[in-house]
Structure formats: C-alpha cells, structure tokens
C-alpha cells in the first residue's frame, strides 16, 4: 500500500481519505468529495478502501 500524502483527485488540495476502485482504474477522494459523489460511486465501484484507518487487532485469550 502506498504511504505518504495522496491528494484528492477532485480538488487536489485536500488529503485523500478514500480509494475508490473502478473497472477502469482508481480514484482518490477527500471526505467531502467522496460524500458528495457517494451514491454514484456506489453504483460504479467494486471496492472502496478507507485510507489511514487503524483496524483493531483482536487479542486471543490465554487458555487455562
């Protein structure tokens, strides 16, 4: 996965928070432009990845 600052493809001034994967390629969007175009993107995309999201890793309990 890419690291560093990635600009929004719609405005290029805000940091991208979403990677939208389409049949024809990928687009990066800031939160504002993703939310503004969400309905259309949901119809055209096959995957949306929230960038910089920290996922909690489950911990296993120790067997007694």
N, C-alpha and C. Protein backbone atom coordinates (compact mmCIF):
# COMPACT_ATOMS: atom_id res chain seq x y z
N UNK A 1 0.85 -1.18 0.00
CA UNK A 1 0.00 0.00 0.00
C UNK A 1 0.89 1.24 0.00
N UNK A 2 0.43 2.25 -0.67
CA UNK A 2 1.19 3.48 -0.76
C UNK A 2 1.20 4.19 0.59
N UNK A 3 2.27 4.91 0.84
CA UNK A 3 2.36 5.69 2.06
C UNK A 3 2.60 7.15 1.69
N UNK A 4 2.42 8.02 2.64
CA UNK A 4 2.64 9.43 2.38
C UNK A 4 1.34 10.15 2.05
N UNK A 5 1.51 11.37 1.59
CA UNK A 5 0.36 12.22 1.31
C UNK A 5 -0.14 11.97 -0.10
N UNK A 6 -1.44 11.68 -0.23
CA UNK A 6 -2.07 11.49 -1.53
C UNK A 6 -3.20 12.51 -1.64
N UNK A 7 -3.20 13.27 -2.69
CA UNK A 7 -4.22 14.31 -2.88
C UNK A 7 -5.51 13.77 -3.48
N UNK A 8 -6.59 14.44 -3.19
CA UNK A 8 -7.90 14.13 -3.74
C UNK A 8 -7.87 14.38 -5.26
N UNK A 9 -8.42 13.44 -6.04
CA UNK A 9 -8.45 13.61 -7.49
C UNK A 9 -9.44 14.69 -7.92
N UNK A 10 -10.39 15.04 -7.07
CA UNK A 10 -11.38 16.06 -7.42
C UNK A 10 -10.87 17.48 -7.16
N UNK A 11 -10.13 17.68 -6.08
CA UNK A 11 -9.71 19.04 -5.75
C UNK A 11 -8.20 19.21 -5.61
N UNK A 12 -7.48 18.14 -5.38
CA UNK A 12 -6.01 18.14 -5.28
C UNK A 12 -5.45 18.96 -4.12
N UNK A 13 -6.30 19.60 -3.33
CA UNK A 13 -5.79 20.38 -2.20
C UNK A 13 -6.00 19.66 -0.87
N UNK A 14 -6.94 18.74 -0.83
CA UNK A 14 -7.22 18.00 0.40
C UNK A 14 -6.60 16.61 0.32
N UNK A 15 -6.27 16.06 1.47
CA UNK A 15 -5.71 14.72 1.51
C UNK A 15 -6.81 13.69 1.24
N UNK A 16 -6.48 12.70 0.44
CA UNK A 16 -7.43 11.64 0.12
C UNK A 16 -7.67 10.76 1.34
N UNK A 17 -8.93 10.48 1.60
CA UNK A 17 -9.31 9.59 2.69
C UNK A 17 -9.89 8.28 2.18
N UNK A 18 -10.23 8.25 0.88
CA UNK A 18 -10.85 7.06 0.29
C UNK A 18 -10.19 6.73 -1.04
N UNK A 19 -9.97 5.44 -1.26
CA UNK A 19 -9.53 4.93 -2.55
C UNK A 19 -10.72 4.18 -3.13
N UNK A 20 -11.18 4.62 -4.29
CA UNK A 20 -12.34 4.01 -4.94
C UNK A 20 -11.83 3.24 -6.15
N UNK A 21 -12.08 1.93 -6.15
CA UNK A 21 -11.63 1.08 -7.25
C UNK A 21 -12.78 0.87 -8.22
N UNK A 22 -12.50 1.22 -9.48
CA UNK A 22 -13.47 1.10 -10.57
C UNK A 22 -12.91 0.14 -11.61
N UNK A 23 -13.76 -0.34 -12.52
CA UNK A 23 -13.29 -1.21 -13.58
C UNK A 23 -12.19 -0.53 -14.40
N UNK A 24 -12.33 0.76 -14.66
CA UNK A 24 -11.38 1.49 -15.48
C UNK A 24 -10.19 2.08 -14.76
N UNK A 25 -10.09 1.90 -13.45
CA UNK A 25 -8.96 2.45 -12.70
C UNK A 25 -9.33 2.78 -11.27
N UNK A 26 -8.55 3.66 -10.68
CA UNK A 26 -8.74 4.02 -9.27
C UNK A 26 -8.84 5.54 -9.14
N UNK A 27 -9.63 5.98 -8.17
CA UNK A 27 -9.75 7.39 -7.86
C UNK A 27 -9.57 7.58 -6.36
N UNK A 28 -8.92 8.70 -6.00
CA UNK A 28 -8.75 9.07 -4.60
C UNK A 28 -9.64 10.26 -4.30
N UNK A 29 -10.34 10.23 -3.16
CA UNK A 29 -11.22 11.32 -2.79
C UNK A 29 -11.02 11.73 -1.33
N UNK A 30 -11.13 13.02 -1.09
CA UNK A 30 -11.21 13.53 0.28
C UNK A 30 -12.61 13.19 0.80
N UNK A 31 -12.84 13.38 2.06
CA UNK A 31 -14.14 13.07 2.65
C UNK A 31 -15.27 13.85 2.02
N UNK A 32 -15.04 15.13 1.75
CA UNK A 32 -16.08 15.98 1.16
C UNK A 32 -16.52 15.47 -0.21
N UNK A 33 -15.57 15.22 -1.10
CA UNK A 33 -15.91 14.79 -2.45
C UNK A 33 -16.40 13.34 -2.50
N UNK A 34 -15.92 12.50 -1.59
CA UNK A 34 -16.46 11.14 -1.53
C UNK A 34 -17.93 11.18 -1.13
N UNK A 35 -18.24 11.94 -0.08
CA UNK A 35 -19.64 12.02 0.38
C UNK A 35 -20.53 12.69 -0.66
N UNK A 36 -20.01 13.68 -1.36
CA UNK A 36 -20.78 14.38 -2.38
C UNK A 36 -21.15 13.44 -3.54
N UNK A 37 -20.26 12.50 -3.86
CA UNK A 37 -20.45 11.61 -5.01
C UNK A 37 -20.73 10.16 -4.61
N UNK A 38 -21.00 9.93 -3.34
CA UNK A 38 -21.13 8.56 -2.82
C UNK A 38 -22.16 7.73 -3.57
N UNK A 39 -23.32 8.27 -3.84
CA UNK A 39 -24.38 7.50 -4.49
C UNK A 39 -23.93 7.00 -5.88
N UNK A 40 -23.33 7.87 -6.66
CA UNK A 40 -22.85 7.48 -7.99
C UNK A 40 -21.67 6.51 -7.89
N UNK A 41 -20.77 6.76 -6.92
CA UNK A 41 -19.61 5.88 -6.77
C UNK A 41 -20.03 4.48 -6.32
N UNK A 42 -21.03 4.38 -5.48
CA UNK A 42 -21.50 3.07 -5.02
C UNK A 42 -22.03 2.23 -6.19
N UNK A 43 -22.57 2.88 -7.20
CA UNK A 43 -23.10 2.16 -8.36
C UNK A 43 -21.99 1.71 -9.30
N UNK A 44 -20.88 2.44 -9.34
CA UNK A 44 -19.81 2.17 -10.31
C UNK A 44 -18.60 1.43 -9.74
N UNK A 45 -18.39 1.51 -8.45
CA UNK A 45 -17.18 0.93 -7.87
C UNK A 45 -17.39 -0.52 -7.45
N UNK A 46 -16.28 -1.26 -7.41
CA UNK A 46 -16.36 -2.61 -6.88
C UNK A 46 -15.69 -2.73 -5.52
N UNK A 47 -14.99 -1.67 -5.10
CA UNK A 47 -14.36 -1.66 -3.77
C UNK A 47 -14.06 -0.23 -3.37
N UNK A 48 -14.30 0.08 -2.10
CA UNK A 48 -13.94 1.38 -1.53
C UNK A 48 -13.09 1.10 -0.29
N UNK A 49 -11.91 1.68 -0.26
CA UNK A 49 -10.99 1.47 0.86
C UNK A 49 -10.84 2.78 1.61
N UNK A 50 -11.07 2.73 2.90
CA UNK A 50 -10.85 3.91 3.75
C UNK A 50 -9.36 3.94 4.10
N UNK A 51 -8.67 4.97 3.64
CA UNK A 51 -7.24 5.08 3.86
C UNK A 51 -6.92 5.53 5.29
N UNK A 52 -5.76 5.14 5.76
CA UNK A 52 -5.27 5.52 7.09
C UNK A 52 -6.17 5.07 8.23
N UNK A 53 -7.01 4.09 7.96
CA UNK A 53 -7.88 3.56 9.01
C UNK A 53 -7.09 2.56 9.83
N UNK A 54 -7.12 2.72 11.13
CA UNK A 54 -6.43 1.81 12.02
C UNK A 54 -7.43 0.77 12.49
N UNK A 55 -7.18 -0.46 12.09
CA UNK A 55 -8.08 -1.54 12.49
C UNK A 55 -7.59 -2.17 13.78
N UNK A 56 -8.53 -2.44 14.64
CA UNK A 56 -8.20 -3.06 15.91
C UNK A 56 -7.95 -4.55 15.68
N UNK A 57 -6.82 -5.03 16.16
CA UNK A 57 -6.48 -6.44 16.02
C UNK A 57 -7.02 -7.17 17.24
N UNK A 58 -7.83 -8.22 17.01
CA UNK A 58 -8.37 -8.94 18.15
C UNK A 58 -7.25 -9.67 18.91
N UNK A 59 -7.41 -9.74 20.19
CA UNK A 59 -6.43 -10.44 21.01
C UNK A 59 -7.02 -11.78 21.44
N UNK A 60 -6.17 -12.77 21.48
CA UNK A 60 -6.61 -14.09 21.89
C UNK A 60 -6.48 -14.23 23.40
N UNK A 61 -7.46 -14.88 23.99
CA UNK A 61 -7.38 -15.13 25.42
C UNK A 61 -6.53 -16.36 25.66
N UNK A 62 -5.79 -16.31 26.72
CA UNK A 62 -4.92 -17.41 27.06
C UNK A 62 -5.74 -18.55 27.66
N UNK A 63 -5.53 -19.76 27.13
CA UNK A 63 -6.24 -20.93 27.64
C UNK A 63 -5.71 -21.29 29.02
N UNK A 64 -6.62 -21.70 29.88
CA UNK A 64 -6.19 -22.07 31.23
C UNK A 64 -6.08 -23.56 31.37
